[in-house]
Amino acid sequence: MANNPQSPNGNHDPAGSTQMFRAFVDEGTRQPQTSAGSGGGSRVGLIVGVIAAVVIVAAVAWLALG
């Protein structure tokens, strides 16, 4: 609990913000249990998205200049 000098007993957080913050921090420190090959899905999507964006920009430039 937070040490709040304004509370009557010295350690009560009436809004619960300290407890919520600690739960948020504790949740962020836990690492999810994933298999070795499952982390690459978002990277593949990012690469495909970048390639698609480059192709679209090249096509628009070719149409504009040609």
N, C-alpha and C. Protein backbone atom coordinates (compact mmCIF):
# COMPACT_ATOMS: atom_id res chain seq x y z
N MET A 1 0.83 -1.18 0.00
CA MET A 1 0.00 0.00 0.00
C MET A 1 0.88 1.25 0.00
N ALA A 2 0.35 2.34 -0.46
CA ALA A 2 1.09 3.59 -0.53
C ALA A 2 1.13 4.25 0.84
N ASN A 3 2.19 4.96 1.08
CA ASN A 3 2.32 5.70 2.32
C ASN A 3 1.77 7.10 2.08
N ASN A 4 0.49 7.30 2.37
CA ASN A 4 -0.19 8.57 2.13
C ASN A 4 -0.26 9.33 3.45
N PRO A 5 0.45 10.47 3.58
CA PRO A 5 0.45 11.19 4.86
C PRO A 5 -0.90 11.81 5.20
N GLN A 6 -1.81 11.94 4.24
CA GLN A 6 -3.10 12.56 4.51
C GLN A 6 -4.13 11.57 5.05
N SER A 7 -3.87 10.30 4.96
CA SER A 7 -4.85 9.33 5.43
C SER A 7 -4.72 9.15 6.94
N PRO A 8 -5.81 8.76 7.60
CA PRO A 8 -5.77 8.64 9.07
C PRO A 8 -4.84 7.55 9.56
N ASN A 9 -4.74 6.43 8.85
CA ASN A 9 -3.88 5.36 9.33
C ASN A 9 -2.53 5.32 8.61
N GLY A 10 -2.30 6.21 7.66
CA GLY A 10 -0.99 6.35 7.04
C GLY A 10 -0.70 5.45 5.87
N ASN A 11 -1.52 4.44 5.60
CA ASN A 11 -1.19 3.55 4.48
C ASN A 11 -2.39 3.19 3.62
N HIS A 12 -3.45 3.97 3.64
CA HIS A 12 -4.64 3.68 2.84
C HIS A 12 -4.65 4.56 1.60
N ASP A 13 -4.84 3.95 0.45
CA ASP A 13 -4.94 4.67 -0.82
C ASP A 13 -6.41 4.66 -1.22
N PRO A 14 -7.15 5.75 -0.98
CA PRO A 14 -8.59 5.72 -1.20
C PRO A 14 -8.99 5.51 -2.65
N ALA A 15 -8.17 5.97 -3.60
CA ALA A 15 -8.52 5.80 -5.01
C ALA A 15 -8.09 4.45 -5.54
N GLY A 16 -7.23 3.77 -4.86
CA GLY A 16 -6.74 2.49 -5.32
C GLY A 16 -5.74 2.60 -6.45
N SER A 17 -5.25 3.80 -6.72
CA SER A 17 -4.36 3.98 -7.86
C SER A 17 -3.02 3.28 -7.66
N THR A 18 -2.54 3.22 -6.46
CA THR A 18 -1.27 2.54 -6.21
C THR A 18 -1.40 1.05 -6.49
N GLN A 19 -2.50 0.46 -6.03
CA GLN A 19 -2.70 -0.96 -6.27
C GLN A 19 -2.86 -1.23 -7.76
N MET A 20 -3.59 -0.36 -8.46
CA MET A 20 -3.77 -0.54 -9.90
C MET A 20 -2.44 -0.39 -10.63
N PHE A 21 -1.62 0.58 -10.21
CA PHE A 21 -0.32 0.77 -10.85
C PHE A 21 0.57 -0.44 -10.61
N ARG A 22 0.60 -0.93 -9.40
CA ARG A 22 1.44 -2.10 -9.10
C ARG A 22 0.97 -3.32 -9.89
N ALA A 23 -0.34 -3.49 -10.04
CA ALA A 23 -0.84 -4.61 -10.83
C ALA A 23 -0.42 -4.46 -12.29
N PHE A 24 -0.45 -3.22 -12.80
CA PHE A 24 -0.03 -2.96 -14.18
C PHE A 24 1.45 -3.27 -14.35
N VAL A 25 2.27 -2.83 -13.41
CA VAL A 25 3.71 -3.07 -13.50
C VAL A 25 4.01 -4.55 -13.37
N ASP A 26 3.34 -5.22 -12.43
CA ASP A 26 3.57 -6.66 -12.26
C ASP A 26 3.14 -7.43 -13.49
N GLU A 27 2.06 -7.00 -14.14
CA GLU A 27 1.59 -7.68 -15.35
C GLU A 27 2.60 -7.51 -16.48
N GLY A 28 3.24 -6.35 -16.57
CA GLY A 28 4.22 -6.09 -17.62
C GLY A 28 5.51 -6.88 -17.45
N THR A 29 5.83 -7.28 -16.22
CA THR A 29 7.07 -8.01 -15.99
C THR A 29 6.93 -9.49 -16.29
N ARG A 30 5.69 -10.00 -16.32
CA ARG A 30 5.49 -11.41 -16.64
C ARG A 30 5.64 -11.62 -18.13
N GLN A 31 6.44 -12.59 -18.50
CA GLN A 31 6.66 -12.91 -19.91
C GLN A 31 5.70 -14.02 -20.30
N PRO A 32 5.00 -13.84 -21.42
CA PRO A 32 4.07 -14.89 -21.85
C PRO A 32 4.81 -16.15 -22.28
N GLN A 33 4.18 -17.28 -22.04
CA GLN A 33 4.76 -18.56 -22.43
C GLN A 33 4.42 -18.83 -23.89
N THR A 34 5.39 -18.65 -24.78
CA THR A 34 5.16 -18.88 -26.20
C THR A 34 6.17 -19.89 -26.71
N SER A 35 5.82 -20.52 -27.82
CA SER A 35 6.75 -21.44 -28.44
C SER A 35 7.80 -20.65 -29.21
N ALA A 36 8.86 -21.30 -29.61
CA ALA A 36 9.99 -20.60 -30.25
C ALA A 36 9.62 -20.01 -31.60
N GLY A 37 8.73 -20.62 -32.35
CA GLY A 37 8.42 -20.16 -33.69
C GLY A 37 7.26 -19.18 -33.79
N SER A 38 6.59 -18.86 -32.71
CA SER A 38 5.38 -18.05 -32.81
C SER A 38 5.65 -16.56 -32.79
N GLY A 39 6.86 -16.12 -32.50
CA GLY A 39 7.15 -14.70 -32.40
C GLY A 39 7.36 -14.02 -33.74
N GLY A 40 7.49 -14.76 -34.82
CA GLY A 40 7.81 -14.17 -36.11
C GLY A 40 6.61 -13.75 -36.93
N GLY A 41 5.40 -14.00 -36.47
CA GLY A 41 4.21 -13.68 -37.24
C GLY A 41 4.05 -12.21 -37.51
N SER A 42 4.27 -11.38 -36.51
CA SER A 42 4.10 -9.95 -36.69
C SER A 42 5.22 -9.37 -37.55
N ARG A 43 6.39 -9.94 -37.47
CA ARG A 43 7.51 -9.46 -38.28
C ARG A 43 7.26 -9.74 -39.76
N VAL A 44 6.71 -10.90 -40.07
CA VAL A 44 6.41 -11.23 -41.46
C VAL A 44 5.34 -10.29 -42.00
N GLY A 45 4.32 -10.01 -41.21
CA GLY A 45 3.29 -9.07 -41.62
C GLY A 45 3.84 -7.67 -41.86
N LEU A 46 4.77 -7.25 -41.03
CA LEU A 46 5.40 -5.94 -41.19
C LEU A 46 6.20 -5.88 -42.48
N ILE A 47 6.95 -6.92 -42.77
CA ILE A 47 7.75 -6.95 -43.99
C ILE A 47 6.85 -6.93 -45.23
N VAL A 48 5.78 -7.72 -45.20
CA VAL A 48 4.86 -7.74 -46.33
C VAL A 48 4.20 -6.37 -46.51
N GLY A 49 3.84 -5.72 -45.41
CA GLY A 49 3.24 -4.40 -45.48
C GLY A 49 4.18 -3.36 -46.06
N VAL A 50 5.44 -3.41 -45.67
CA VAL A 50 6.43 -2.45 -46.20
C VAL A 50 6.65 -2.69 -47.69
N ILE A 51 6.75 -3.95 -48.09
CA ILE A 51 6.94 -4.26 -49.51
C ILE A 51 5.73 -3.79 -50.32
N ALA A 52 4.54 -4.02 -49.80
CA ALA A 52 3.33 -3.58 -50.50
C ALA A 52 3.30 -2.06 -50.62
N ALA A 53 3.70 -1.34 -49.57
CA ALA A 53 3.72 0.12 -49.62
C ALA A 53 4.72 0.62 -50.66
N VAL A 54 5.89 -0.01 -50.74
CA VAL A 54 6.90 0.39 -51.72
C VAL A 54 6.38 0.14 -53.14
N VAL A 55 5.72 -0.99 -53.36
CA VAL A 55 5.18 -1.30 -54.68
C VAL A 55 4.10 -0.28 -55.06
N ILE A 56 3.24 0.08 -54.13
CA ILE A 56 2.18 1.04 -54.41
C ILE A 56 2.77 2.42 -54.73
N VAL A 57 3.74 2.86 -53.95
CA VAL A 57 4.38 4.15 -54.21
C VAL A 57 5.09 4.13 -55.56
N ALA A 58 5.75 3.04 -55.90
CA ALA A 58 6.44 2.94 -57.20
C ALA A 58 5.43 2.97 -58.32
N ALA A 59 4.29 2.30 -58.18
CA ALA A 59 3.27 2.29 -59.23
C ALA A 59 2.68 3.69 -59.42
N VAL A 60 2.41 4.39 -58.34
CA VAL A 60 1.87 5.74 -58.44
C VAL A 60 2.89 6.67 -59.09
N ALA A 61 4.15 6.56 -58.72
CA ALA A 61 5.18 7.40 -59.32
C ALA A 61 5.33 7.09 -60.82
N TRP A 62 5.25 5.81 -61.20
CA TRP A 62 5.37 5.42 -62.60
C TRP A 62 4.20 5.97 -63.42
N LEU A 63 2.98 5.91 -62.83
CA LEU A 63 1.82 6.46 -63.52
C LEU A 63 1.88 7.99 -63.62
N ALA A 64 2.39 8.64 -62.61
CA ALA A 64 2.47 10.10 -62.61
C ALA A 64 3.53 10.62 -63.55
N LEU A 65 4.64 9.91 -63.65
CA LEU A 65 5.74 10.38 -64.48
C LEU A 65 5.68 9.81 -65.90
N GLY A 66 4.94 8.75 -66.11
CA GLY A 66 4.94 8.09 -67.41
C GLY A 66 3.82 8.42 -68.27
